[in-house]
Protein backbone atom coordinates (compact mmCIF):
# COMPACT_ATOMS: atom_id res chain seq x y z
CA MET A 1 8.93 -6.03 24.43
CA SER A 2 5.93 -4.54 26.16
CA SER A 3 4.28 -1.53 24.59
CA SER A 4 1.08 0.33 25.24
CA THR A 5 0.85 0.98 21.49
CA PRO A 6 1.05 -2.24 19.47
CA ALA A 7 3.51 -2.11 16.59
CA PRO A 8 1.83 -2.06 13.19
CA ASP A 9 1.73 -5.23 11.14
CA LEU A 10 4.77 -4.73 8.97
CA GLY A 11 5.21 -8.39 8.13
CA PRO A 12 5.94 -9.38 4.55
CA ARG A 13 3.48 -10.78 2.06
CA ALA A 14 4.16 -13.66 -0.29
CA GLY A 15 6.01 -12.38 -3.32
CA ALA A 16 6.30 -8.86 -1.88
CA ALA A 17 9.29 -6.67 -2.68
CA PRO A 18 11.76 -5.93 0.14
CA LEU A 19 10.81 -3.32 2.72
CA SER A 20 12.63 0.02 2.83
CA LEU A 21 13.80 1.88 5.90
CA CYS A 22 13.79 5.07 3.84
CA ALA A 23 10.04 4.70 3.29
CA ARG A 24 9.30 4.65 7.01
CA GLU A 25 8.56 7.70 9.14
CA PRO A 26 7.29 6.18 12.40
CA HIS A 27 5.37 8.15 15.00
CA VAL A 28 6.10 7.02 18.54
CA PRO A 29 3.74 8.23 21.30
CA ALA A 30 5.40 9.24 24.55
CA ASP A 31 3.62 6.44 26.44
CA ARG A 32 5.29 3.88 24.18
CA LEU A 33 8.70 5.35 25.07
CA VAL A 34 7.94 4.73 28.75
CA ALA A 35 6.43 1.26 28.22
CA GLU A 36 9.46 0.16 26.21
CA MET A 37 11.95 1.02 28.93
CA VAL A 38 12.72 -2.67 29.49
CA PRO A 39 15.73 -4.78 28.45
CA PRO A 40 15.78 -5.22 24.64
CA PRO A 41 14.84 -8.58 23.07
CA ARG A 42 18.49 -9.66 22.87
CA PHE A 43 18.60 -9.58 26.67
CA ASP A 44 15.15 -10.99 27.49
CA SER A 45 16.51 -14.26 28.81
CA VAL A 46 19.87 -13.25 30.29
CA ARG A 47 20.43 -13.80 33.99
CA PHE A 48 23.39 -13.69 36.35
CA ASP A 49 23.81 -17.46 36.04
CA THR A 50 24.01 -17.23 32.23
CA TYR A 51 26.93 -14.80 32.43
CA VAL A 52 30.16 -16.78 32.05
CA PRO A 53 33.04 -14.94 33.77
CA ASP A 54 36.51 -15.26 32.29
CA PRO A 55 38.58 -17.20 34.87
CA GLY A 56 41.50 -14.94 34.08
CA ARG A 57 39.48 -11.80 34.84
CA PRO A 58 38.42 -11.90 38.52
CA SER A 59 36.72 -8.51 38.20
CA GLN A 60 33.97 -10.21 36.19
CA SER A 61 33.08 -12.65 38.99
CA GLU A 62 33.29 -9.84 41.52
CA ALA A 63 30.84 -7.76 39.50
CA VAL A 64 28.32 -10.62 39.47
CA ARG A 65 28.62 -11.01 43.25
CA VAL A 66 28.16 -7.29 43.95
CA LEU A 67 25.23 -6.95 41.58
CA GLU A 68 23.43 -9.99 43.00
CA GLU A 69 23.70 -8.45 46.47
CA PHE A 70 22.55 -5.11 45.10
CA ALA A 71 19.47 -6.68 43.46
CA GLY A 72 18.63 -8.65 46.59
CA GLY A 73 18.64 -5.48 48.64
CA LEU A 74 16.12 -3.67 46.46
CA GLY A 75 13.07 -5.54 47.75
CA GLY A 76 10.34 -4.06 49.89
CA ALA A 77 7.79 -1.32 49.42
CA HIS A 78 8.81 1.71 47.44
CA ALA A 79 8.92 5.06 49.16
CA VAL A 80 6.41 6.86 46.95
CA GLY A 81 3.87 8.49 49.21
CA GLY A 82 5.48 6.96 52.27
CA ALA A 83 8.77 6.01 53.85
CA LYS A 84 12.05 6.13 51.95
CA ARG A 85 14.32 3.13 51.94
CA GLY A 86 18.08 2.96 51.82
CA LEU A 87 20.17 1.81 48.87
CA PHE A 88 19.96 -1.86 49.80
CA GLY A 89 16.45 -1.65 51.18
CA PHE A 90 17.39 -0.99 54.81
CA GLY A 91 16.36 1.91 56.98
CA ARG A 92 13.44 4.31 56.83
CA SER A 93 12.81 8.00 56.94
CA ARG A 94 9.40 9.61 57.22
CA ALA A 95 10.47 12.76 55.40
CA PRO A 96 12.31 12.87 52.08
CA LYS A 97 15.95 13.69 52.45
CA ALA A 98 19.05 13.31 50.31
CA PRO A 99 20.70 9.99 51.15
CA ALA A 100 24.35 9.82 52.03
CA GLY A 101 26.83 7.98 49.83
CA PRO A 102 26.43 6.37 46.42
CA ARG A 103 22.93 5.38 45.37
CA GLY A 104 23.87 3.06 42.57
CA VAL A 105 26.43 0.97 40.74
CA TYR A 106 28.40 1.96 37.67
CA LEU A 107 29.85 -0.75 35.43
CA ASP A 108 32.95 0.47 33.64
CA GLY A 109 34.75 -1.60 31.03
CA GLY A 110 35.63 -2.03 27.39
CA TYR A 111 33.43 -3.20 24.54
CA GLY A 112 31.91 -6.65 24.66
CA VAL A 113 32.82 -7.64 28.23
CA GLY A 114 29.18 -8.27 29.09
CA LYS A 115 28.20 -5.03 30.83
CA THR A 116 24.76 -4.89 29.21
CA HIS A 117 24.23 -8.58 30.02
CA LEU A 118 24.93 -7.80 33.68
CA LEU A 119 22.78 -4.66 33.68
CA ALA A 120 19.84 -6.56 32.19
CA SER A 121 20.41 -9.39 34.69
CA LEU A 122 20.20 -6.83 37.49
CA TRP A 123 16.89 -5.58 36.08
CA HIS A 124 15.51 -9.13 35.89
CA ALA A 125 16.78 -10.04 39.38
CA THR A 126 15.39 -6.98 41.16
CA PRO A 127 12.29 -8.12 43.11
CA ALA A 128 9.80 -5.61 41.76
CA ASP A 129 7.04 -5.48 39.20
CA PRO A 130 8.35 -4.52 35.72
CA SER A 131 6.34 -1.30 35.96
CA LEU A 132 8.59 -0.27 38.87
CA LYS A 133 11.82 -0.84 36.93
CA ALA A 134 13.14 1.10 33.93
CA PHE A 135 15.88 0.10 31.50
CA GLY A 136 17.14 2.22 28.62
CA THR A 137 20.19 3.63 26.94
CA PHE A 138 21.44 7.07 27.84
CA VAL A 139 20.11 8.35 24.49
CA GLU A 140 16.69 6.84 25.20
CA LEU A 141 16.62 8.53 28.61
CA THR A 142 17.38 11.96 27.19
CA ASN A 143 14.84 11.34 24.44
CA LEU A 144 12.25 10.53 27.11
CA VAL A 145 12.91 13.90 28.73
CA GLY A 146 12.46 15.52 25.35
CA ALA A 147 9.14 13.74 24.82
CA LEU A 148 7.64 14.18 28.30
CA GLY A 149 9.37 17.28 29.59
CA PHE A 150 11.68 17.33 32.60
CA GLN A 151 9.10 17.57 35.40
CA GLN A 152 6.89 14.83 33.95
CA THR A 153 9.91 12.57 33.51
CA VAL A 154 10.81 13.09 37.16
CA ARG A 155 7.24 12.28 38.23
CA THR A 156 7.10 9.22 35.97
CA LEU A 157 10.41 7.70 37.09
CA SER A 158 10.21 8.71 40.77
CA GLY A 159 7.82 5.84 41.41
CA HIS A 160 10.41 3.32 40.22
CA ARG A 161 12.61 1.18 42.40
CA LEU A 162 15.42 0.91 39.85
CA LEU A 163 16.62 2.86 36.81
CA CYS A 164 19.16 1.13 34.58
CA ILE A 165 21.05 3.32 32.09
CA ASP A 166 23.06 1.55 29.40
CA GLU A 167 25.86 3.23 27.43
CA PHE A 168 26.12 6.22 29.71
CA GLU A 169 27.88 9.02 27.82
CA LEU A 170 27.73 12.80 27.95
CA ASP A 171 27.91 14.37 24.52
CA ASP A 172 27.45 18.03 25.38
CA PRO A 173 27.19 20.43 28.33
CA GLY A 174 23.40 20.52 28.13
CA ASP A 175 23.20 16.76 28.67
CA THR A 176 25.58 17.06 31.61
CA VAL A 177 23.38 19.53 33.47
CA LEU A 178 20.14 17.77 32.45
CA VAL A 179 21.19 14.29 33.56
CA SER A 180 22.91 15.51 36.72
CA THR A 181 19.73 17.29 37.79
CA LEU A 182 17.45 14.40 36.78
CA LEU A 183 19.42 11.74 38.63
CA GLY A 184 19.68 13.95 41.68
CA LYS A 185 15.89 14.27 41.78
CA LEU A 186 15.42 10.52 41.34
CA VAL A 187 17.91 9.66 44.06
CA GLU A 188 16.05 12.00 46.42
CA ALA A 189 12.86 10.07 45.55
CA GLY A 190 14.49 6.79 46.56
CA VAL A 191 15.26 5.39 43.10
CA ALA A 192 18.33 3.15 42.90
CA LEU A 193 20.56 3.62 39.87
CA ALA A 194 22.70 1.33 37.74
CA ALA A 195 24.65 2.32 34.65
CA THR A 196 27.17 1.01 32.15
CA SER A 197 29.78 2.94 30.22
CA ASN A 198 33.21 2.75 28.68
CA THR A 199 34.17 5.91 30.59
CA LEU A 200 34.72 6.37 34.30
CA PRO A 201 32.19 8.76 35.90
CA GLY A 202 34.83 11.41 36.54
CA LYS A 203 35.91 11.30 32.88
CA LEU A 204 32.47 11.74 31.29
CA GLY A 205 32.50 14.35 28.55
CA GLU A 206 36.29 14.26 28.27
CA GLY A 207 37.45 15.19 24.78
CA ARG A 208 33.99 16.33 23.65
CA PHE A 209 33.50 19.71 25.33
CA ALA A 210 35.07 21.90 27.99
CA ALA A 211 34.35 19.38 30.72
CA VAL A 212 36.31 21.40 33.27
CA ASP A 213 33.62 24.09 33.05
CA PHE A 214 31.05 21.51 34.16
CA LEU A 215 33.21 19.73 36.72
CA ARG A 216 30.67 20.32 39.50
CA GLU A 217 27.91 18.54 37.58
CA ILE A 218 30.22 15.69 36.55
CA GLN A 219 31.41 15.22 40.12
CA GLY A 220 27.79 15.24 41.24
CA LEU A 221 27.02 12.43 38.81
CA SER A 222 30.01 10.44 40.00
CA ALA A 223 28.89 10.75 43.63
CA HIS A 224 25.72 8.78 42.85
CA PHE A 225 27.61 5.62 41.88
CA ARG A 226 29.92 2.97 43.23
CA THR A 227 32.19 2.07 40.29
CA LEU A 228 32.82 -1.56 39.35
CA ARG A 229 35.60 -2.04 36.82
CA ILE A 230 35.08 -5.06 34.51
CA ASP A 231 38.15 -6.18 32.61
CA GLY A 232 38.15 -8.43 29.57
CA GLU A 233 38.26 -8.63 25.82
CA ASP A 234 35.36 -8.13 23.42
CA TYR A 235 33.43 -11.42 23.57
CA ARG A 236 32.07 -10.76 20.09
CA HIS A 237 35.60 -11.34 18.77
CA ARG A 238 36.66 -14.25 20.97
CA GLY A 239 37.59 -17.10 18.68
CA LEU A 240 35.43 -15.73 15.89
CA PRO A 241 36.54 -14.95 12.34
CA GLU A 242 37.27 -11.43 11.20
CA ALA A 243 34.43 -9.34 9.81
CA PRO A 244 33.13 -10.92 6.61
CA ALA A 245 34.00 -9.27 3.31
CA PRO A 246 31.17 -7.20 1.82
CA CYS A 247 29.02 -8.82 -0.86
CA SER A 248 28.32 -7.48 -4.32
CA ASP A 249 25.32 -5.22 -4.94
CA GLU A 250 23.72 -8.04 -6.89
CA ALA A 251 24.14 -10.56 -4.08
CA VAL A 252 22.69 -8.15 -1.50
CA THR A 253 19.71 -7.34 -3.72
CA LYS A 254 19.06 -11.02 -4.43
CA ALA A 255 19.22 -11.89 -0.72
CA ALA A 256 16.82 -9.05 0.14
CA HIS A 257 14.25 -10.34 -2.35
CA ALA A 258 14.68 -13.91 -1.12
CA THR A 259 14.48 -13.12 2.62
CA GLU A 260 11.09 -12.71 4.23
CA GLY A 261 10.88 -9.46 6.19
CA ALA A 262 14.12 -7.97 4.82
CA SER A 263 14.68 -4.32 3.98
CA LEU A 264 16.78 -3.06 1.07
CA ASP A 265 18.24 0.45 0.95
CA ASP A 266 21.09 2.38 -0.60
CA PHE A 267 23.43 3.28 2.26
CA THR A 268 23.77 6.96 1.35
CA HIS A 269 20.01 7.34 1.00
CA LEU A 270 19.53 5.70 4.40
CA LEU A 271 21.94 8.13 6.06
CA GLU A 272 20.00 11.02 4.53
CA HIS A 273 16.73 9.56 5.80
CA LEU A 274 18.06 9.14 9.34
CA ALA A 275 18.52 12.91 9.48
CA LYS A 276 14.75 13.28 9.07
CA VAL A 277 13.81 10.83 11.85
CA HIS A 278 14.41 11.60 15.52
CA PRO A 279 16.77 9.02 17.10
CA SER A 280 14.08 8.21 19.69
CA ARG A 281 12.15 6.61 16.80
CA TYR A 282 14.95 4.44 15.43
CA GLY A 283 13.64 1.47 17.38
CA ALA A 284 10.23 1.87 15.77
CA LEU A 285 11.98 2.33 12.42
CA THR A 286 13.14 -1.29 12.69
CA ASP A 287 9.79 -2.77 13.77
CA GLY A 288 9.06 -6.05 12.05
CA LEU A 289 12.42 -6.33 10.28
CA ARG A 290 14.13 -9.71 10.03
CA ALA A 291 17.17 -8.47 8.12
CA VAL A 292 18.68 -5.22 6.85
CA CYS A 293 20.30 -5.21 3.41
CA LEU A 294 22.43 -2.23 2.38
CA THR A 295 24.09 -1.45 -0.92
CA ASP A 296 27.14 0.71 -1.59
CA VAL A 297 28.33 1.28 1.99
CA ARG A 298 30.67 4.28 2.04
CA PRO A 299 32.57 6.25 4.68
CA VAL A 300 30.27 8.33 6.87
CA PRO A 301 30.69 11.96 5.78
CA ASP A 302 30.42 13.88 9.05
CA GLN A 303 30.10 13.60 12.82
CA SER A 304 26.36 14.25 13.08
CA THR A 305 25.61 11.55 10.53
CA ALA A 306 28.01 9.18 12.28
CA LEU A 307 26.30 9.63 15.66
CA ARG A 308 22.90 8.90 14.12
CA LEU A 309 24.31 5.72 12.59
CA VAL A 310 25.64 4.69 16.02
CA VAL A 311 22.10 4.87 17.43
CA LEU A 312 20.70 2.81 14.55
CA ALA A 313 23.45 0.22 15.02
CA ASP A 314 22.51 -0.05 18.71
CA ARG A 315 18.83 -0.57 17.92
CA LEU A 316 19.61 -3.23 15.29
CA TYR A 317 21.96 -5.01 17.69
CA ASP A 318 19.39 -4.92 20.51
CA ARG A 319 16.87 -6.57 18.20
CA GLU A 320 19.36 -9.07 16.72
CA VAL A 321 18.64 -7.96 13.15
CA PRO A 322 21.29 -9.38 10.78
CA VAL A 323 22.90 -7.01 8.29
CA LEU A 324 24.11 -7.81 4.77
CA ALA A 325 25.98 -5.11 2.88
CA SER A 326 27.98 -4.28 -0.21
CA GLY A 327 30.64 -1.61 -0.54
CA LEU A 328 33.16 -0.96 2.20
CA PRO A 329 33.52 -3.23 5.27
CA PHE A 330 32.11 -1.78 8.48
CA ASP A 331 35.52 -1.20 10.05
CA ARG A 332 36.10 1.51 7.43
CA LEU A 333 32.90 3.47 8.11
CA PHE A 334 34.52 6.14 10.25
CA SER A 335 37.54 8.31 9.43
CA GLU A 336 40.76 8.24 11.40
CA GLU A 337 39.88 11.68 12.73
CA MET A 338 36.58 10.34 14.07
CA LEU A 339 38.19 7.25 15.58
CA ASN A 340 40.75 9.42 17.36
CA GLY A 341 38.26 12.04 18.53
CA GLY A 342 36.00 12.48 21.52
CA TYR A 343 33.31 10.08 20.24
CA ARG A 344 35.74 7.26 19.44
CA LYS A 345 34.21 4.90 22.00
CA LYS A 346 30.80 5.21 20.38
CA TYR A 347 32.28 4.50 16.96
CA PHE A 348 34.26 1.47 18.11
CA ARG A 349 31.12 0.09 19.74
CA ALA A 350 29.19 0.59 16.51
CA ILE A 351 31.91 -1.17 14.50
CA SER A 352 31.91 -4.06 16.96
CA ARG A 353 28.15 -4.45 16.85
CA LEU A 354 27.77 -4.05 13.10
CA THR A 355 30.53 -6.59 12.58
CA ALA A 356 28.65 -9.08 14.76
CA LEU A 357 25.45 -8.44 12.80
CA ALA A 358 27.34 -8.80 9.51
CA ARG A 359 28.47 -12.27 10.59
CA ASP A 360 24.83 -13.09 11.24
CA GLY A 361 23.97 -11.70 7.82
CA GLN A 362 26.19 -14.20 6.03
CA ARG A 363 23.49 -16.83 6.32
CA LEU A 364 21.25 -14.72 4.04
CA THR A 365 23.45 -15.68 1.10
CA ALA A 366 23.62 -19.36 1.94
CA PRO A 367 21.93 -21.73 -0.54
CA ALA A 368 18.38 -22.63 0.42
């Protein structure tokens, strides 16, 4: 991952004790947030031709076809300081004006159907220098606004040809207005948009706040996108065993000491530490880690803590960091009330991703 601020050398030393996430309080300069708006390491090498559509799900092949055409149409000079170009690169206008019709594509589908793979493939396939393309989660985008300020974010991203937003969700009315206004400004500047979500554009915010009061903003967001529905089952569970049973505290501790670059933390203490670190820094929190070992996993006590854990799970999954844990299995992290509430899609995604990382973590206990 490119970064204008090199990550510190957090590598292990021979005979060193395990690292601790709770001991880290990373500082992330705003310029690093911008430089790191590229596909995460897990998706460095994905391309359209490495996506394997399910023959029984024609919507997957159709999505690949549409996105390849979309990427191919984004060539040519960008409009900054000159002429604007249409969505697929055709047409010019000497004066800025709001374009008609959708300015992007919106990939809607369940967990694990390959939406992020396709979004990253679009980023890689778009014929533009990486500095003219941005890729980040919805949370990372809102964090960027918080770090730079709204106007500077608009100026920074207006020079881009493409903005890819993964895991597009609206958690509160403020985000609705903020993102609606931001994307409107970027579309006016000629930036093409692409997003993934488990929620149709017109349903964003449903179940989390009085979405009807912000219907105008939500409809404005929806107008920017052409929706592509991608059907399928979670590939992380296709033909794979169920989530592995948790290990004992002793086994987790032993594996942490035996694994180079592993961290070891009590789960409750980690949740308390996450409350002290801004979610925009969770990626930096995991710099240099080769494994995360957790003891005494328990149910998450409240919604705020749960949402922070979702962000950490996303960053660990992006970086392919295996997880080994004792206590409860990950599918029992969130209460029934949480899983039936407005953030249920975030929690199911976190369970899916942590389960995949827990499978990877099994090798930490294998005999040398």
